[in-house]
Amino acid sequence: EIPAIIKDFTDTEMMEIALLENLQRENLTAI
């Protein structure tokens, strides 16, 4: 199991959050 917060995001919001998390927090490859 893992602790989680459940939110009702739209598809657009899901996309932006996922992209932002990786762009600002993780080291993505250049591609």
PDB file of all heavy atoms in Angstrom:
ATOM      1  N   GLU A   1       0.836  -1.203   0.000  1.00  0.00           N
ATOM      2  CA  GLU A   1       0.000   0.000   0.000  1.00  0.00           C
ATOM      3  C   GLU A   1       0.865   1.244   0.000  1.00  0.00           C
ATOM      4  O   GLU A   1       2.044   1.193   0.329  1.00  0.00           O
ATOM      5  CB  GLU A   1      -0.912   0.024   1.232  1.00  0.00           C
ATOM      6  CG  GLU A   1      -1.941  -1.088   1.302  1.00  0.00           C
ATOM      7  CD  GLU A   1      -2.822  -0.964   2.530  1.00  0.00           C
ATOM      8  OE1 GLU A   1      -2.312  -0.492   3.573  1.00  0.00           O
ATOM      9  OE2 GLU A   1      -4.009  -1.293   2.446  1.00  0.00           O
ATOM     10  N   ILE A   2       0.234   2.375  -0.361  1.00  0.00           N
ATOM     11  CA  ILE A   2       0.937   3.657  -0.341  1.00  0.00           C
ATOM     12  C   ILE A   2      -0.064   4.749   0.031  1.00  0.00           C
ATOM     13  O   ILE A   2      -1.225   4.704  -0.404  1.00  0.00           O
ATOM     14  CB  ILE A   2       1.591   3.943  -1.711  1.00  0.00           C
ATOM     15  CG1 ILE A   2       2.550   5.127  -1.610  1.00  0.00           C
ATOM     16  CG2 ILE A   2       0.542   4.196  -2.786  1.00  0.00           C
ATOM     17  CD1 ILE A   2       3.428   5.309  -2.846  1.00  0.00           C
ATOM     18  N   PRO A   3       0.332   5.726   0.863  1.00  0.00           N
ATOM     19  CA  PRO A   3      -0.579   6.826   1.196  1.00  0.00           C
ATOM     20  C   PRO A   3      -0.837   7.701  -0.019  1.00  0.00           C
ATOM     21  O   PRO A   3       0.068   7.973  -0.814  1.00  0.00           O
ATOM     22  CB  PRO A   3       0.170   7.599   2.288  1.00  0.00           C
ATOM     23  CG  PRO A   3       1.605   7.240   2.099  1.00  0.00           C
ATOM     24  CD  PRO A   3       1.613   5.839   1.591  1.00  0.00           C
ATOM     25  N   ALA A   4      -2.089   8.138  -0.167  1.00  0.00           N
ATOM     26  CA  ALA A   4      -2.450   8.911  -1.365  1.00  0.00           C
ATOM     27  C   ALA A   4      -3.527   9.934  -1.066  1.00  0.00           C
ATOM     28  O   ALA A   4      -4.353   9.763  -0.166  1.00  0.00           O
ATOM     29  CB  ALA A   4      -2.921   7.970  -2.472  1.00  0.00           C
ATOM     30  N   ILE A   5      -3.508  11.015  -1.839  1.00  0.00           N
ATOM     31  CA  ILE A   5      -4.559  12.028  -1.831  1.00  0.00           C
ATOM     32  C   ILE A   5      -5.315  11.874  -3.145  1.00  0.00           C
ATOM     33  O   ILE A   5      -4.706  11.871  -4.215  1.00  0.00           O
ATOM     34  CB  ILE A   5      -3.970  13.447  -1.726  1.00  0.00           C
ATOM     35  CG1 ILE A   5      -3.279  13.633  -0.367  1.00  0.00           C
ATOM     36  CG2 ILE A   5      -5.064  14.508  -1.908  1.00  0.00           C
ATOM     37  CD1 ILE A   5      -2.517  14.943  -0.247  1.00  0.00           C
ATOM     38  N   ILE A   6      -6.630  11.722  -3.064  1.00  0.00           N
ATOM     39  CA  ILE A   6      -7.439  11.515  -4.262  1.00  0.00           C
ATOM     40  C   ILE A   6      -8.039  12.841  -4.698  1.00  0.00           C
ATOM     41  O   ILE A   6      -8.699  13.518  -3.920  1.00  0.00           O
ATOM     42  CB  ILE A   6      -8.565  10.487  -3.999  1.00  0.00           C
ATOM     43  CG1 ILE A   6      -7.976   9.222  -3.367  1.00  0.00           C
ATOM     44  CG2 ILE A   6      -9.289  10.158  -5.308  1.00  0.00           C
ATOM     45  CD1 ILE A   6      -6.891   8.565  -4.196  1.00  0.00           C
ATOM     46  N   LYS A   7      -7.784  13.222  -5.961  1.00  0.00           N
ATOM     47  CA  LYS A   7      -8.323  14.462  -6.521  1.00  0.00           C
ATOM     48  C   LYS A   7      -8.978  14.164  -7.864  1.00  0.00           C
ATOM     49  O   LYS A   7      -8.532  13.306  -8.615  1.00  0.00           O
ATOM     50  CB  LYS A   7      -7.205  15.496  -6.716  1.00  0.00           C
ATOM     51  CG  LYS A   7      -6.656  16.080  -5.415  1.00  0.00           C
ATOM     52  CD  LYS A   7      -7.647  17.025  -4.778  1.00  0.00           C
ATOM     53  CE  LYS A   7      -7.073  17.708  -3.550  1.00  0.00           C
ATOM     54  NZ  LYS A   7      -8.047  18.633  -2.936  1.00  0.00           N
ATOM     55  N   ASP A   8     -10.025  14.927  -8.163  1.00  0.00           N
ATOM     56  CA  ASP A   8     -10.764  14.723  -9.415  1.00  0.00           C
ATOM     57  C   ASP A   8     -10.280  15.714 -10.468  1.00  0.00           C
ATOM     58  O   ASP A   8     -10.887  16.752 -10.713  1.00  0.00           O
ATOM     59  CB  ASP A   8     -12.267  14.906  -9.162  1.00  0.00           C
ATOM     60  CG  ASP A   8     -13.078  14.628 -10.423  1.00  0.00           C
ATOM     61  OD1 ASP A   8     -12.567  13.898 -11.297  1.00  0.00           O
ATOM     62  OD2 ASP A   8     -14.196  15.137 -10.536  1.00  0.00           O
ATOM     63  N   PHE A   9      -9.139  15.397 -11.099  1.00  0.00           N
ATOM     64  CA  PHE A   9      -8.567  16.274 -12.103  1.00  0.00           C
ATOM     65  C   PHE A   9      -9.115  15.977 -13.491  1.00  0.00           C
ATOM     66  O   PHE A   9      -9.475  14.839 -13.795  1.00  0.00           O
ATOM     67  CB  PHE A   9      -7.042  16.108 -12.146  1.00  0.00           C
ATOM     68  CG  PHE A   9      -6.347  16.533 -10.894  1.00  0.00           C
ATOM     69  CD1 PHE A   9      -5.810  15.596 -10.022  1.00  0.00           C
ATOM     70  CD2 PHE A   9      -6.215  17.873 -10.590  1.00  0.00           C
ATOM     71  CE1 PHE A   9      -5.159  15.981  -8.867  1.00  0.00           C
ATOM     72  CE2 PHE A   9      -5.564  18.275  -9.439  1.00  0.00           C
ATOM     73  CZ  PHE A   9      -5.034  17.328  -8.568  1.00  0.00           C
ATOM     74  N   THR A  10      -9.112  17.011 -14.346  1.00  0.00           N
ATOM     75  CA  THR A  10      -9.448  16.797 -15.755  1.00  0.00           C
ATOM     76  C   THR A  10      -8.221  16.205 -16.446  1.00  0.00           C
ATOM     77  O   THR A  10      -7.109  16.221 -15.895  1.00  0.00           O
ATOM     78  CB  THR A  10      -9.813  18.125 -16.445  1.00  0.00           C
ATOM     79  OG1 THR A  10      -8.638  18.968 -16.479  1.00  0.00           O
ATOM     80  CG2 THR A  10     -10.933  18.838 -15.711  1.00  0.00           C
ATOM     81  N   ASP A  11      -8.399  15.712 -17.674  1.00  0.00           N
ATOM     82  CA  ASP A  11      -7.270  15.158 -18.425  1.00  0.00           C
ATOM     83  C   ASP A  11      -6.191  16.214 -18.654  1.00  0.00           C
ATOM     84  O   ASP A  11      -4.995  15.925 -18.559  1.00  0.00           O
ATOM     85  CB  ASP A  11      -7.744  14.608 -19.774  1.00  0.00           C
ATOM     86  CG  ASP A  11      -8.524  13.304 -19.618  1.00  0.00           C
ATOM     87  OD1 ASP A  11      -8.471  12.716 -18.521  1.00  0.00           O
ATOM     88  OD2 ASP A  11      -9.187  12.890 -20.584  1.00  0.00           O
ATOM     89  N   THR A  12      -6.602  17.438 -18.952  1.00  0.00           N
ATOM     90  CA  THR A  12      -5.632  18.513 -19.187  1.00  0.00           C
ATOM     91  C   THR A  12      -4.832  18.808 -17.934  1.00  0.00           C
ATOM     92  O   THR A  12      -3.609  18.987 -17.979  1.00  0.00           O
ATOM     93  CB  THR A  12      -6.355  19.802 -19.644  1.00  0.00           C
ATOM     94  OG1 THR A  12      -7.039  19.543 -20.866  1.00  0.00           O
ATOM     95  CG2 THR A  12      -5.358  20.939 -19.853  1.00  0.00           C
ATOM     96  N   GLU A  13      -5.505  18.830 -16.787  1.00  0.00           N
ATOM     97  CA  GLU A  13      -4.815  19.088 -15.525  1.00  0.00           C
ATOM     98  C   GLU A  13      -3.862  17.953 -15.178  1.00  0.00           C
ATOM     99  O   GLU A  13      -2.748  18.183 -14.699  1.00  0.00           O
ATOM    100  CB  GLU A  13      -5.850  19.294 -14.406  1.00  0.00           C
ATOM    101  CG  GLU A  13      -6.632  20.583 -14.543  1.00  0.00           C
ATOM    102  CD  GLU A  13      -7.879  20.629 -13.678  1.00  0.00           C
ATOM    103  OE1 GLU A  13      -8.324  19.570 -13.195  1.00  0.00           O
ATOM    104  OE2 GLU A  13      -8.419  21.724 -13.494  1.00  0.00           O
ATOM    105  N   MET A  14      -4.296  16.710 -15.429  1.00  0.00           N
ATOM    106  CA  MET A  14      -3.427  15.561 -15.185  1.00  0.00           C
ATOM    107  C   MET A  14      -2.153  15.656 -16.006  1.00  0.00           C
ATOM    108  O   MET A  14      -1.047  15.387 -15.515  1.00  0.00           O
ATOM    109  CB  MET A  14      -4.155  14.256 -15.529  1.00  0.00           C
ATOM    110  CG  MET A  14      -5.199  13.830 -14.530  1.00  0.00           C
ATOM    111  SD  MET A  14      -5.995  12.282 -15.037  1.00  0.00           S
ATOM    112  CE  MET A  14      -4.619  11.134 -14.893  1.00  0.00           C
ATOM    113  N   MET A  15      -2.302  16.065 -17.258  1.00  0.00           N
ATOM    114  CA  MET A  15      -1.143  16.178 -18.136  1.00  0.00           C
ATOM    115  C   MET A  15      -0.181  17.244 -17.634  1.00  0.00           C
ATOM    116  O   MET A  15       1.024  17.018 -17.516  1.00  0.00           O
ATOM    117  CB  MET A  15      -1.590  16.519 -19.552  1.00  0.00           C
ATOM    118  CG  MET A  15      -0.426  16.703 -20.509  1.00  0.00           C
ATOM    119  SD  MET A  15      -0.928  17.501 -22.047  1.00  0.00           S
ATOM    120  CE  MET A  15      -1.358  19.131 -21.430  1.00  0.00           C
ATOM    121  N   GLU A  16      -0.729  18.416 -17.303  1.00  0.00           N
ATOM    122  CA  GLU A  16       0.146  19.512 -16.893  1.00  0.00           C
ATOM    123  C   GLU A  16       0.864  19.194 -15.587  1.00  0.00           C
ATOM    124  O   GLU A  16       2.053  19.467 -15.427  1.00  0.00           O
ATOM    125  CB  GLU A  16      -0.641  20.821 -16.757  1.00  0.00           C
ATOM    126  CG  GLU A  16       0.275  22.009 -16.533  1.00  0.00           C
ATOM    127  CD  GLU A  16      -0.417  23.341 -16.775  1.00  0.00           C
ATOM    128  OE1 GLU A  16      -1.632  23.359 -17.035  1.00  0.00           O
ATOM    129  OE2 GLU A  16       0.275  24.366 -16.714  1.00  0.00           O
ATOM    130  N   ILE A  17       0.167  18.574 -14.638  1.00  0.00           N
ATOM    131  CA  ILE A  17       0.799  18.232 -13.368  1.00  0.00           C
ATOM    132  C   ILE A  17       1.910  17.217 -13.573  1.00  0.00           C
ATOM    133  O   ILE A  17       3.010  17.346 -13.030  1.00  0.00           O
ATOM    134  CB  ILE A  17      -0.243  17.690 -12.365  1.00  0.00           C
ATOM    135  CG1 ILE A  17      -1.162  18.832 -11.918  1.00  0.00           C
ATOM    136  CG2 ILE A  17       0.438  17.079 -11.148  1.00  0.00           C
ATOM    137  CD1 ILE A  17      -2.310  18.381 -11.047  1.00  0.00           C
ATOM    138  N   ALA A  18       1.647  16.184 -14.369  1.00  0.00           N
ATOM    139  CA  ALA A  18       2.657  15.151 -14.624  1.00  0.00           C
ATOM    140  C   ALA A  18       3.886  15.744 -15.295  1.00  0.00           C
ATOM    141  O   ALA A  18       5.031  15.439 -14.931  1.00  0.00           O
ATOM    142  CB  ALA A  18       2.068  14.037 -15.487  1.00  0.00           C
ATOM    143  N   LEU A  19       3.666  16.610 -16.276  1.00  0.00           N
ATOM    144  CA  LEU A  19       4.783  17.208 -16.985  1.00  0.00           C
ATOM    145  C   LEU A  19       5.568  18.146 -16.081  1.00  0.00           C
ATOM    146  O   LEU A  19       6.797  18.153 -16.081  1.00  0.00           O
ATOM    147  CB  LEU A  19       4.281  17.961 -18.216  1.00  0.00           C
ATOM    148  CG  LEU A  19       3.634  17.102 -19.308  1.00  0.00           C
ATOM    149  CD1 LEU A  19       3.135  17.986 -20.450  1.00  0.00           C
ATOM    150  CD2 LEU A  19       4.604  16.073 -19.843  1.00  0.00           C
ATOM    151  N   LEU A  20       4.858  18.941 -15.287  1.00  0.00           N
ATOM    152  CA  LEU A  20       5.532  19.881 -14.398  1.00  0.00           C
ATOM    153  C   LEU A  20       6.343  19.165 -13.334  1.00  0.00           C
ATOM    154  O   LEU A  20       7.458  19.573 -13.003  1.00  0.00           O
ATOM    155  CB  LEU A  20       4.509  20.801 -13.726  1.00  0.00           C
ATOM    156  CG  LEU A  20       3.982  21.960 -14.567  1.00  0.00           C
ATOM    157  CD1 LEU A  20       2.860  22.662 -13.842  1.00  0.00           C
ATOM    158  CD2 LEU A  20       5.109  22.922 -14.893  1.00  0.00           C
ATOM    159  N   GLU A  21       5.801  18.075 -12.788  1.00  0.00           N
ATOM    160  CA  GLU A  21       6.531  17.341 -11.756  1.00  0.00           C
ATOM    161  C   GLU A  21       7.871  16.873 -12.299  1.00  0.00           C
ATOM    162  O   GLU A  21       8.906  16.997 -11.647  1.00  0.00           O
ATOM    163  CB  GLU A  21       5.730  16.131 -11.261  1.00  0.00           C
ATOM    164  CG  GLU A  21       6.504  15.348 -10.195  1.00  0.00           C
ATOM    165  CD  GLU A  21       5.837  14.043  -9.811  1.00  0.00           C
ATOM    166  OE1 GLU A  21       5.096  13.477 -10.628  1.00  0.00           O
ATOM    167  OE2 GLU A  21       6.082  13.575  -8.697  1.00  0.00           O
ATOM    168  N   ASN A  22       7.854  16.361 -13.505  1.00  0.00           N
ATOM    169  CA  ASN A  22       9.082  15.845 -14.089  1.00  0.00           C
ATOM    170  C   ASN A  22      10.022  16.951 -14.541  1.00  0.00           C
ATOM    171  O   ASN A  22      11.237  16.850 -14.387  1.00  0.00           O
ATOM    172  CB  ASN A  22       8.742  14.920 -15.262  1.00  0.00           C
ATOM    173  CG  ASN A  22       8.282  13.558 -14.790  1.00  0.00           C
ATOM    174  OD1 ASN A  22       9.091  12.700 -14.473  1.00  0.00           O
ATOM    175  ND2 ASN A  22       6.978  13.357 -14.707  1.00  0.00           N
ATOM    176  N   LEU A  23       9.473  18.026 -15.101  1.00  0.00           N
ATOM    177  CA  LEU A  23      10.312  19.112 -15.581  1.00  0.00           C
ATOM    178  C   LEU A  23      10.985  19.862 -14.440  1.00  0.00           C
ATOM    179  O   LEU A  23      12.130  20.299 -14.557  1.00  0.00           O
ATOM    180  CB  LEU A  23       9.474  20.100 -16.412  1.00  0.00           C
ATOM    181  CG  LEU A  23       9.059  19.628 -17.801  1.00  0.00           C
ATOM    182  CD1 LEU A  23       8.039  20.584 -18.408  1.00  0.00           C
ATOM    183  CD2 LEU A  23      10.273  19.516 -18.717  1.00  0.00           C
ATOM    184  N   GLN A  24      10.294  20.034 -13.322  1.00  0.00           N
ATOM    185  CA  GLN A  24      10.817  20.844 -12.233  1.00  0.00           C
ATOM    186  C   GLN A  24      11.438  20.041 -11.101  1.00  0.00           C
ATOM    187  O   GLN A  24      12.213  20.574 -10.318  1.00  0.00           O
ATOM    188  CB  GLN A  24       9.709  21.753 -11.684  1.00  0.00           C
ATOM    189  CG  GLN A  24       9.208  22.751 -12.718  1.00  0.00           C
ATOM    190  CD  GLN A  24       8.180  23.713 -12.153  1.00  0.00           C
ATOM    191  OE1 GLN A  24       7.736  23.598 -11.028  1.00  0.00           O
ATOM    192  NE2 GLN A  24       7.793  24.683 -12.959  1.00  0.00           N
ATOM    193  N   ARG A  25      11.113  18.760 -11.026  1.00  0.00           N
ATOM    194  CA  ARG A  25      11.613  17.986  -9.897  1.00  0.00           C
ATOM    195  C   ARG A  25      12.579  16.885 -10.324  1.00  0.00           C
ATOM    196  O   ARG A  25      13.542  16.599  -9.630  1.00  0.00           O
ATOM    197  CB  ARG A  25      10.434  17.374  -9.117  1.00  0.00           C
ATOM    198  CG  ARG A  25      10.871  16.497  -7.967  1.00  0.00           C
ATOM    199  CD  ARG A  25       9.690  16.046  -7.132  1.00  0.00           C
ATOM    200  NE  ARG A  25       9.150  17.139  -6.346  1.00  0.00           N
ATOM    201  CZ  ARG A  25       8.082  17.032  -5.568  1.00  0.00           C
ATOM    202  NH1 ARG A  25       7.429  15.894  -5.515  1.00  0.00           N
ATOM    203  NH2 ARG A  25       7.653  18.057  -4.868  1.00  0.00           N
ATOM    204  N   GLU A  26      12.318  16.236 -11.427  1.00  0.00           N
ATOM    205  CA  GLU A  26      13.147  15.118 -11.865  1.00  0.00           C
ATOM    206  C   GLU A  26      14.000  15.519 -13.062  1.00  0.00           C
ATOM    207  O   GLU A  26      13.690  16.460 -13.768  1.00  0.00           O
ATOM    208  CB  GLU A  26      12.263  13.913 -12.266  1.00  0.00           C
ATOM    209  CG  GLU A  26      11.241  13.532 -11.215  1.00  0.00           C
ATOM    210  CD  GLU A  26      11.850  13.034  -9.929  1.00  0.00           C
ATOM    211  OE1 GLU A  26      13.042  12.678  -9.947  1.00  0.00           O
ATOM    212  OE2 GLU A  26      11.157  13.006  -8.912  1.00  0.00           O
ATOM    213  N   ASN A  27      15.083  14.787 -13.272  1.00  0.00           N
ATOM    214  CA  ASN A  27      15.951  15.043 -14.413  1.00  0.00           C
ATOM    215  C   ASN A  27      15.499  14.208 -15.601  1.00  0.00           C
ATOM    216  O   ASN A  27      15.867  13.050 -15.740  1.00  0.00           O
ATOM    217  CB  ASN A  27      17.409  14.723 -14.066  1.00  0.00           C
ATOM    218  CG  ASN A  27      17.982  15.687 -13.047  1.00  0.00           C
ATOM    219  OD1 ASN A  27      17.700  16.875 -13.088  1.00  0.00           O
ATOM    220  ND2 ASN A  27      18.771  15.176 -12.126  1.00  0.00           N
ATOM    221  N   LEU A  28      14.689  14.804 -16.451  1.00  0.00           N
ATOM    222  CA  LEU A  28      14.275  14.124 -17.669  1.00  0.00           C
ATOM    223  C   LEU A  28      15.445  14.086 -18.645  1.00  0.00           C
ATOM    224  O   LEU A  28      16.334  14.933 -18.595  1.00  0.00           O
ATOM    225  CB  LEU A  28      13.120  14.871 -18.339  1.00  0.00           C
ATOM    226  CG  LEU A  28      11.765  14.906 -17.632  1.00  0.00           C
ATOM    227  CD1 LEU A  28      10.809  15.774 -18.429  1.00  0.00           C
ATOM    228  CD2 LEU A  28      11.191  13.528 -17.463  1.00  0.00           C
ATOM    229  N   THR A  29      15.443  13.118 -19.540  1.00  0.00           N
ATOM    230  CA  THR A  29      16.409  13.183 -20.637  1.00  0.00           C
ATOM    231  C   THR A  29      15.994  14.343 -21.529  1.00  0.00           C
ATOM    232  O   THR A  29      14.849  14.818 -21.467  1.00  0.00           O
ATOM    233  CB  THR A  29      16.426  11.883 -21.465  1.00  0.00           C
ATOM    234  OG1 THR A  29      15.185  11.762 -22.177  1.00  0.00           O
ATOM    235  CG2 THR A  29      16.627  10.659 -20.574  1.00  0.00           C
ATOM    236  N   ALA A  30      16.910  14.806 -22.369  1.00  0.00           N
ATOM    237  CA  ALA A  30      16.608  15.947 -23.233  1.00  0.00           C
ATOM    238  C   ALA A  30      15.433  15.648 -24.162  1.00  0.00           C
ATOM    239  O   ALA A  30      14.610  16.531 -24.445  1.00  0.00           O
ATOM    240  CB  ALA A  30      17.849  16.324 -24.042  1.00  0.00           C
ATOM    241  N   ILE A  31      15.340  14.411 -24.637  1.00  0.00           N
ATOM    242  CA  ILE A  31      14.246  14.043 -25.539  1.00  0.00           C
ATOM    243  C   ILE A  31      12.920  13.998 -24.783  1.00  0.00           C
ATOM    244  O   ILE A  31      11.888  14.451 -25.287  1.00  0.00           O
ATOM    245  CB  ILE A  31      14.522  12.676 -26.208  1.00  0.00           C
ATOM    246  CG1 ILE A  31      15.779  12.753 -27.075  1.00  0.00           C
ATOM    247  CG2 ILE A  31      13.329  12.227 -27.044  1.00  0.00           C
ATOM    248  CD1 ILE A  31      15.711  13.774 -28.192  1.00  0.00           C
TER     249      ILE A  31
END
